[in-house]
C-alpha cells in the first residue's frame, strides 16, 4: 500500500478547512445571527435568519462547548469561499495525488445532502462512500476494487434527531434535485414510513439509526424528526460505529465537507458485520467486501503507525460482551492468513503503546 505524498496530504488538509469555511458561509449568511439556547440543561448554538416577512427561521448549529463551533461563531462573517481554487485542489489530489473521487451519482447525492444540512444536523456517512475518504484521512492509496458502490448509507443517532429541533428540507425533494426518478421505498407494503429511497437506475439511499434496549421493534422504522420526513432502520452495533465521528472531505467537485466514522471503529465494525451476514447470494458478496475493507484498514493503520487507535477501538468492542467477542472471532477467522497475522501484530503493538492487555480473537 503506497503512501500519499506529504504535499498532497497538506493540500487535502487545506481543502478540508476551506470546504468547512464554504459550508458555513452558505449555511449562515451575514444577515443572520447566532443564538445560544438551553435544551435539557445543555447549551446549543442556533442560527436565526430573517424570513423576509418580519419573522425568523431557526437552524440548529451544534453544542456550545464545541471549540470549532465557538470559533466559527466568532468569525463566520469574514469567511470567504474560493470555489475555483478548491476545484483545482480536488483535481490535483485525484489526478496527481492518487486519492479517490466518488462516482458522480454518489458525489452529487452527498453534496445535495450536505447543502441541505445533513452533517450540520450530526448525520454520519457510513458504508463504502465513507470508506472512500479513508485514503485521505490516513494518507494512503486505497485500491479501486474495494471502493465501488451503488448506494449511500447515512446514520444519525436517534436521540440527536429527536433533540436538535431542526430538520432537513423534505428529503425526497433533495434527492429528486439530483435525479427526479428517486422515490421512497415503503418499509413494507401499505406502510407510509420509508427509510430507503431508490432511483430508476437502482441507486439506493438509506437511513439507519442506533438501537438500544429490547428487540421488540427492531424491524420497525424509527421516526426521525431531523431527517426531512425520512425514517431510519434501527440497527445494533451502530452506536459503536458512529461514536466520536471525524470530519473529512469527499473529493467531489470543489470538495464536500462530510462526517464519517473513525477508521479504526470502521474496521472492527466490519469484522462483526461480516460475521452476521448469510453465506449465500448477495449477502456473501457483501460479506467478502466487508472483510476486504477491514483488512485494508488494518494494513493502513499499521503502515501509518496508528496501532494504538486500533487497539483502543478493538478493546472497547471486545469489552461489550460475549456476543461482540463472538462476532470479532468469527470475522477475524474470515481474514486471509496474511491479514490475520497483520491484525495480531498491530493489536499487540497498540496494546503496548496503550499499556493495556488485550485478548486476541485467535489466541496468543
Protein backbone atom coordinates (compact mmCIF):
# COMPACT_ATOMS: atom_id res chain seq x y z
CA UNK A 1 0.00 0.00 0.00
CA UNK A 2 1.59 3.27 -1.14
CA UNK A 3 1.57 6.42 0.97
CA UNK A 4 0.26 9.72 -0.38
CA UNK A 5 2.98 12.32 -0.82
CA UNK A 6 3.17 14.81 2.06
CA UNK A 7 2.49 17.70 -0.32
CA UNK A 8 -0.90 16.20 -1.22
CA UNK A 9 -1.71 15.40 2.40
CA UNK A 10 -1.08 19.05 3.23
CA UNK A 11 -3.24 20.14 0.29
CA UNK A 12 -6.05 17.86 1.46
CA UNK A 13 -5.96 19.39 4.93
CA UNK A 14 -6.18 22.89 3.46
CA UNK A 15 -9.02 21.84 1.15
CA UNK A 16 -10.88 20.39 4.11
CA UNK A 17 -10.63 23.64 6.02
CA UNK A 18 -11.70 25.71 3.01
CA UNK A 19 -14.65 23.41 2.42
CA UNK A 20 -15.79 23.77 6.02
CA UNK A 21 -15.48 27.54 5.67
CA UNK A 22 -17.52 27.47 2.47
CA UNK A 23 -20.21 25.31 4.04
CA UNK A 24 -20.53 27.69 6.96
CA UNK A 25 -20.69 30.70 4.67
CA UNK A 26 -23.56 29.10 2.74
CA UNK A 27 -25.44 27.92 5.83
CA UNK A 28 -25.03 31.08 7.89
CA UNK A 29 -25.35 34.32 5.85
CA UNK A 30 -24.12 37.57 7.37
CA UNK A 31 -27.64 38.99 7.84
CA UNK A 32 -28.43 36.33 10.46
CA UNK A 33 -27.17 35.87 13.99
CA UNK A 34 -26.13 33.08 16.33
CA UNK A 35 -28.29 32.49 19.40
CA UNK A 36 -27.47 30.26 22.41
CA UNK A 37 -30.34 28.02 23.54
CA UNK A 38 -30.52 25.71 26.57
CA UNK A 39 -32.17 22.31 25.96
CA UNK A 40 -32.37 19.84 28.84
CA UNK A 41 -29.66 21.72 30.75
CA UNK A 42 -27.26 21.67 27.79
CA UNK A 43 -26.41 24.78 25.77
CA UNK A 44 -26.52 24.70 21.97
CA UNK A 45 -25.95 27.26 19.24
CA UNK A 46 -28.78 28.03 16.85
CA UNK A 47 -28.78 30.45 13.92
CA UNK A 48 -31.62 32.93 13.41
CA UNK A 49 -32.21 34.21 9.88
CA UNK A 50 -34.82 36.81 8.81
CA UNK A 51 -37.59 35.22 6.73
CA UNK A 52 -38.43 38.42 4.82
CA UNK A 53 -41.83 38.77 6.49
CA UNK A 54 -40.79 40.23 9.81
CA UNK A 55 -40.16 36.85 11.39
CA UNK A 56 -37.27 34.46 11.55
CA UNK A 57 -36.23 30.91 10.78
CA UNK A 58 -34.02 28.97 13.17
CA UNK A 59 -31.36 26.38 12.35
CA UNK A 60 -29.52 24.04 14.70
CA UNK A 61 -25.72 24.55 14.72
CA UNK A 62 -24.27 22.36 17.48
CA UNK A 63 -23.17 22.08 21.12
CA UNK A 64 -22.00 25.34 22.71
CA UNK A 65 -18.94 23.62 24.20
CA UNK A 66 -17.59 22.57 20.78
CA UNK A 67 -14.40 24.62 20.27
CA UNK A 68 -14.64 24.55 16.47
CA UNK A 69 -18.20 25.84 16.54
CA UNK A 70 -17.26 28.56 19.01
CA UNK A 71 -14.54 29.71 16.65
CA UNK A 72 -16.94 29.77 13.72
CA UNK A 73 -19.46 31.78 15.70
CA UNK A 74 -16.80 34.44 16.21
CA UNK A 75 -15.52 34.56 12.64
CA UNK A 76 -18.33 33.44 10.32
CA UNK A 77 -18.95 36.89 8.82
CA UNK A 78 -15.43 37.09 7.38
CA UNK A 79 -15.28 33.59 5.86
CA UNK A 80 -14.97 33.58 2.07
CA UNK A 81 -15.39 30.88 -0.46
CA UNK A 82 -12.81 30.27 -3.19
CA UNK A 83 -14.72 27.83 -5.39
CA UNK A 84 -12.40 27.67 -8.40
CA UNK A 85 -9.27 27.26 -6.29
CA UNK A 86 -10.85 24.37 -4.39
CA UNK A 87 -11.86 22.68 -7.63
CA UNK A 88 -8.23 22.85 -8.79
CA UNK A 89 -7.13 21.32 -5.50
CA UNK A 90 -9.60 18.44 -5.86
CA UNK A 91 -8.35 17.82 -9.39
CA UNK A 92 -4.71 17.73 -8.23
CA UNK A 93 -5.49 15.39 -5.35
CA UNK A 94 -7.30 12.87 -7.56
CA UNK A 95 -5.26 13.09 -10.76
CA UNK A 96 -1.78 13.52 -9.30
CA UNK A 97 -2.08 12.59 -5.62
CA UNK A 98 -3.69 9.21 -6.19
CA UNK A 99 -6.69 9.83 -3.94
CA UNK A 100 -10.15 8.59 -4.88
CA UNK A 101 -13.11 10.64 -6.09
CA UNK A 102 -16.58 9.11 -5.73
CA UNK A 103 -18.68 8.27 -8.76
CA UNK A 104 -20.76 11.22 -9.96
CA UNK A 105 -24.08 9.95 -8.58
CA UNK A 106 -22.65 9.34 -5.11
CA UNK A 107 -20.87 12.68 -5.10
CA UNK A 108 -23.92 14.63 -6.26
CA UNK A 109 -26.13 12.97 -3.64
CA UNK A 110 -23.73 13.64 -0.77
CA UNK A 111 -23.27 17.22 -1.98
CA UNK A 112 -27.05 17.77 -2.00
CA UNK A 113 -27.45 16.28 1.48
CA UNK A 114 -24.59 18.37 2.83
CA UNK A 115 -26.11 21.54 1.34
CA UNK A 116 -29.43 20.58 2.93
CA UNK A 117 -27.78 20.47 6.35
CA UNK A 118 -27.30 16.74 6.96
CA UNK A 119 -23.86 16.97 8.54
CA UNK A 120 -24.73 20.16 10.40
CA UNK A 121 -27.50 18.07 11.98
CA UNK A 122 -24.88 15.50 13.00
CA UNK A 123 -25.60 12.90 10.38
CA UNK A 124 -22.74 10.47 9.69
CA UNK A 125 -21.95 8.99 6.29
CA UNK A 126 -21.19 5.27 6.61
CA UNK A 127 -20.56 2.41 4.19
CA UNK A 128 -18.35 2.39 1.10
CA UNK A 129 -18.70 6.10 0.29
CA UNK A 130 -17.29 6.82 3.75
CA UNK A 131 -14.56 4.22 3.14
CA UNK A 132 -13.52 6.18 0.04
CA UNK A 133 -12.44 9.07 2.28
CA UNK A 134 -10.07 6.99 4.42
CA UNK A 135 -7.24 7.19 1.90
CA UNK A 136 -7.05 10.92 2.54
CA UNK A 137 -7.51 10.59 6.30
CA UNK A 138 -4.74 8.00 6.62
CA UNK A 139 -2.52 9.24 3.81
CA UNK A 140 -2.56 6.03 1.73
CA UNK A 141 -3.73 4.98 -1.71
CA UNK A 142 -6.60 2.52 -1.47
CA UNK A 143 -7.35 0.08 -4.33
CA UNK A 144 -10.33 0.92 -6.50
CA UNK A 145 -11.77 -2.61 -6.29
CA UNK A 146 -12.73 -2.08 -2.65
CA UNK A 147 -14.35 1.29 -3.31
CA UNK A 148 -17.12 0.56 -5.80
CA UNK A 149 -20.68 1.11 -4.62
CA UNK A 150 -24.24 1.69 -5.76
CA UNK A 151 -25.64 3.26 -2.64
CA UNK A 152 -25.22 5.86 0.08
CA UNK A 153 -25.83 4.93 3.71
CA UNK A 154 -26.43 7.64 6.30
CA UNK A 155 -26.68 7.21 10.07
CA UNK A 156 -27.96 9.51 12.78
CA UNK A 157 -28.29 8.82 16.47
CA UNK A 158 -31.95 8.58 17.44
CA UNK A 159 -31.64 10.90 20.46
CA UNK A 160 -29.89 13.56 18.39
CA UNK A 161 -32.61 13.52 15.74
CA UNK A 162 -35.25 13.99 18.42
CA UNK A 163 -33.48 16.79 20.27
CA UNK A 164 -31.97 19.17 17.70
CA UNK A 165 -35.32 20.89 16.96
CA UNK A 166 -34.37 21.37 13.32
CA UNK A 167 -34.75 19.34 10.13
CA UNK A 168 -33.57 18.80 6.60
CA UNK A 169 -35.85 20.04 3.84
CA UNK A 170 -38.23 17.31 2.53
CA UNK A 171 -35.78 14.51 1.91
CA UNK A 172 -37.25 13.10 -1.27
CA UNK A 173 -37.09 16.59 -2.80
CA UNK A 174 -33.37 16.80 -2.04
CA UNK A 175 -32.81 13.53 -3.87
CA UNK A 176 -35.06 14.44 -6.78
CA UNK A 177 -32.93 17.53 -7.29
CA UNK A 178 -30.16 15.08 -8.23
CA UNK A 179 -32.30 12.51 -10.05
CA UNK A 180 -36.05 13.12 -10.48
CA UNK A 181 -36.74 9.36 -10.52
CA UNK A 182 -35.87 8.96 -6.82
CA UNK A 183 -38.83 7.65 -4.85
CA UNK A 184 -39.39 6.34 -1.32
CA UNK A 185 -39.41 2.59 -0.76
CA UNK A 186 -42.12 1.65 1.77
CA UNK A 187 -40.75 -0.40 4.64
CA UNK A 188 -43.44 -2.97 3.84
CA UNK A 189 -46.49 -2.99 1.52
CA UNK A 190 -49.00 -0.38 2.64
CA UNK A 191 -46.67 1.27 5.15
CA UNK A 192 -46.17 5.01 4.96
CA UNK A 193 -42.74 5.12 6.61
CA UNK A 194 -39.67 4.95 4.36
CA UNK A 195 -36.04 4.61 5.39
CA UNK A 196 -34.80 3.94 1.85
CA UNK A 197 -35.09 5.76 -1.46
CA UNK A 198 -34.26 4.35 -4.89
CA UNK A 199 -33.80 5.77 -8.40
CA UNK A 200 -34.72 4.10 -11.67
CA UNK A 201 -31.13 3.00 -12.24
CA UNK A 202 -31.17 1.12 -8.93
CA UNK A 203 -29.12 3.62 -6.93
CA UNK A 204 -30.21 3.48 -3.29
CA UNK A 205 -30.01 5.91 -0.37
CA UNK A 206 -30.77 4.50 3.06
CA UNK A 207 -31.03 5.87 6.60
CA UNK A 208 -30.00 3.92 9.70
CA UNK A 209 -30.20 4.78 13.37
CA UNK A 210 -28.98 3.43 16.68
CA UNK A 211 -30.82 0.69 18.52
CA UNK A 212 -30.71 0.13 22.27
CA UNK A 213 -32.98 -1.86 24.57
CA UNK A 214 -35.19 -4.78 23.54
CA UNK A 215 -35.58 -6.22 20.04
CA UNK A 216 -39.38 -5.92 20.05
CA UNK A 217 -39.44 -3.16 17.44
CA UNK A 218 -36.21 -3.98 15.64
CA UNK A 219 -37.99 -4.43 12.29
CA UNK A 220 -39.93 -1.17 12.61
CA UNK A 221 -38.50 2.02 11.07
CA UNK A 222 -37.90 4.78 13.61
CA UNK A 223 -39.38 8.23 13.07
CA UNK A 224 -36.52 10.74 12.74
CA UNK A 225 -37.67 14.35 13.22
CA UNK A 226 -34.47 15.83 11.78
CA UNK A 227 -34.44 13.87 8.51
CA UNK A 228 -36.99 15.74 6.44
CA UNK A 229 -39.73 13.11 6.56
CA UNK A 230 -37.47 10.07 6.27
CA UNK A 231 -37.48 7.28 8.83
CA UNK A 232 -34.48 5.11 9.71
CA UNK A 233 -33.89 1.41 10.30
CA UNK A 234 -32.66 0.78 13.86
CA UNK A 235 -29.53 -1.37 13.98
CA UNK A 236 -27.44 -2.97 16.68
CA UNK A 237 -23.71 -2.08 16.68
CA UNK A 238 -24.37 1.31 15.06
CA UNK A 239 -23.84 3.32 18.24
CA UNK A 240 -20.30 1.91 18.38
CA UNK A 241 -19.60 2.76 14.75
CA UNK A 242 -20.72 6.40 14.83
CA UNK A 243 -19.38 7.30 18.26
CA UNK A 244 -16.80 10.13 18.03
CA UNK A 245 -17.00 10.56 14.22
CA UNK A 246 -14.47 12.66 12.34
CA UNK A 247 -14.76 15.47 9.83
CA UNK A 248 -13.13 14.96 6.44
CA UNK A 249 -13.55 15.81 2.77
CA UNK A 250 -15.23 13.98 -0.10
CA UNK A 251 -13.28 14.74 -3.28
CA UNK A 252 -16.22 15.76 -5.43
CA UNK A 253 -16.32 18.98 -7.46
CA UNK A 254 -14.88 21.65 -5.12
CA UNK A 255 -14.86 19.31 -2.11
CA UNK A 256 -17.72 18.35 0.18
CA UNK A 257 -17.21 18.55 3.93
CA UNK A 258 -18.59 15.33 5.46
CA UNK A 259 -18.59 13.39 8.72
CA UNK A 260 -17.55 9.72 8.77
CA UNK A 261 -16.78 7.07 11.39
CA UNK A 262 -13.31 6.79 12.86
CA UNK A 263 -11.38 4.35 10.58
CA UNK A 264 -10.40 2.07 13.49
CA UNK A 265 -14.03 1.71 14.53
CA UNK A 266 -15.00 1.15 10.90
CA UNK A 267 -12.53 -1.74 10.61
CA UNK A 268 -13.62 -3.50 13.80
CA UNK A 269 -17.29 -2.94 12.97
CA UNK A 270 -16.80 -4.54 9.54
CA UNK A 271 -15.45 -7.72 11.14
CA UNK A 272 -18.55 -8.09 13.29
CA UNK A 273 -20.98 -7.20 10.49
CA UNK A 274 -19.33 -9.73 8.17
CA UNK A 275 -19.83 -12.46 10.77
CA UNK A 276 -23.58 -11.80 10.81
CA UNK A 277 -24.22 -11.97 7.08
CA UNK A 278 -25.64 -15.06 5.41
CA UNK A 279 -23.34 -17.32 3.41
CA UNK A 280 -25.14 -17.27 0.08
CA UNK A 281 -26.20 -14.87 -2.65
CA UNK A 282 -25.83 -11.12 -2.31
CA UNK A 283 -25.07 -11.37 1.40
CA UNK A 284 -21.95 -13.40 0.62
CA UNK A 285 -20.76 -10.70 -1.78
CA UNK A 286 -21.29 -8.04 0.89
CA UNK A 287 -19.55 -10.21 3.48
CA UNK A 288 -16.47 -10.56 1.27
CA UNK A 289 -16.44 -6.80 0.73
CA UNK A 290 -16.68 -6.21 4.49
CA UNK A 291 -13.68 -8.46 5.11
CA UNK A 292 -11.69 -6.85 2.30
CA UNK A 293 -12.30 -3.36 3.63
CA UNK A 294 -11.46 -4.39 7.20
CA UNK A 295 -8.19 -5.97 6.04
CA UNK A 296 -7.24 -2.84 4.09
CA UNK A 297 -7.89 -0.70 7.15
CA UNK A 298 -5.72 -2.95 9.33
CA UNK A 299 -2.90 -2.64 6.80
CA UNK A 300 -3.29 1.14 6.51
CA UNK A 301 -3.45 1.62 10.28
CA UNK A 302 -0.30 -0.42 10.75
CA UNK A 303 1.54 1.37 7.96
CA UNK A 304 0.64 4.82 9.28
CA UNK A 305 1.55 3.92 12.88
CA UNK A 306 -1.96 4.10 14.28
CA UNK A 307 -1.80 0.81 16.13
CA UNK A 308 -2.83 2.41 19.41
CA UNK A 309 -6.02 3.78 17.78
CA UNK A 310 -6.99 0.34 16.54
CA UNK A 311 -6.22 -1.31 19.88
CA UNK A 312 -8.37 1.24 21.69
CA UNK A 313 -11.34 0.71 19.33
CA UNK A 314 -10.91 -3.07 19.42
CA UNK A 315 -10.75 -3.18 23.21
CA UNK A 316 -13.96 -1.14 23.53
CA UNK A 317 -15.79 -3.56 21.24
CA UNK A 318 -14.36 -6.64 22.98
CA UNK A 319 -15.45 -5.38 26.39
CA UNK A 320 -19.07 -5.09 25.24
CA UNK A 321 -19.57 -8.75 25.98
CA UNK A 322 -19.79 -12.30 24.62
CA UNK A 323 -21.92 -11.53 21.54
CA UNK A 324 -19.44 -8.90 20.39
CA UNK A 325 -16.48 -11.19 21.13
CA UNK A 326 -18.02 -13.99 19.10
CA UNK A 327 -18.62 -11.59 16.19
CA UNK A 328 -14.99 -10.44 16.29
CA UNK A 329 -13.72 -14.02 16.43
CA UNK A 330 -15.90 -15.11 13.53
CA UNK A 331 -14.97 -12.08 11.43
CA UNK A 332 -11.25 -12.48 12.13
CA UNK A 333 -11.48 -16.14 11.10
CA UNK A 334 -12.58 -15.00 7.63
CA UNK A 335 -9.42 -12.95 7.07
CA UNK A 336 -6.68 -14.34 4.82
CA UNK A 337 -3.71 -15.68 6.81
CA UNK A 338 -1.50 -12.69 5.98
CA UNK A 339 -4.14 -10.27 7.22
CA UNK A 340 -4.74 -12.34 10.35
CA UNK A 341 -1.06 -12.05 11.20
CA UNK A 342 -1.10 -8.34 10.49
CA UNK A 343 -4.11 -7.82 12.75
CA UNK A 344 -2.36 -9.69 15.57
CA UNK A 345 0.79 -7.60 15.13
CA UNK A 346 -0.98 -4.27 15.09
CA UNK A 347 -3.15 -5.15 18.10
CA UNK A 348 -0.15 -6.30 20.14
CA UNK A 349 1.79 -3.18 19.23
CA UNK A 350 -1.17 -0.95 20.01
CA UNK A 351 -1.73 -2.65 23.35
CA UNK A 352 1.89 -1.99 24.31
CA UNK A 353 1.55 1.67 23.37
CA UNK A 354 -1.66 1.96 25.37
CA UNK A 355 -0.23 -0.07 28.27
CA UNK A 356 -3.17 -2.42 28.30
CA UNK A 357 -3.78 -6.14 27.93
CA UNK A 358 -5.91 -7.34 25.03
CA UNK A 359 -7.44 -10.75 24.44
CA UNK A 360 -6.86 -11.63 20.81
CA UNK A 361 -9.72 -13.26 18.86
CA UNK A 362 -7.44 -16.05 17.56
CA UNK A 363 -5.35 -16.76 20.67
CA UNK A 364 -1.90 -15.60 21.61
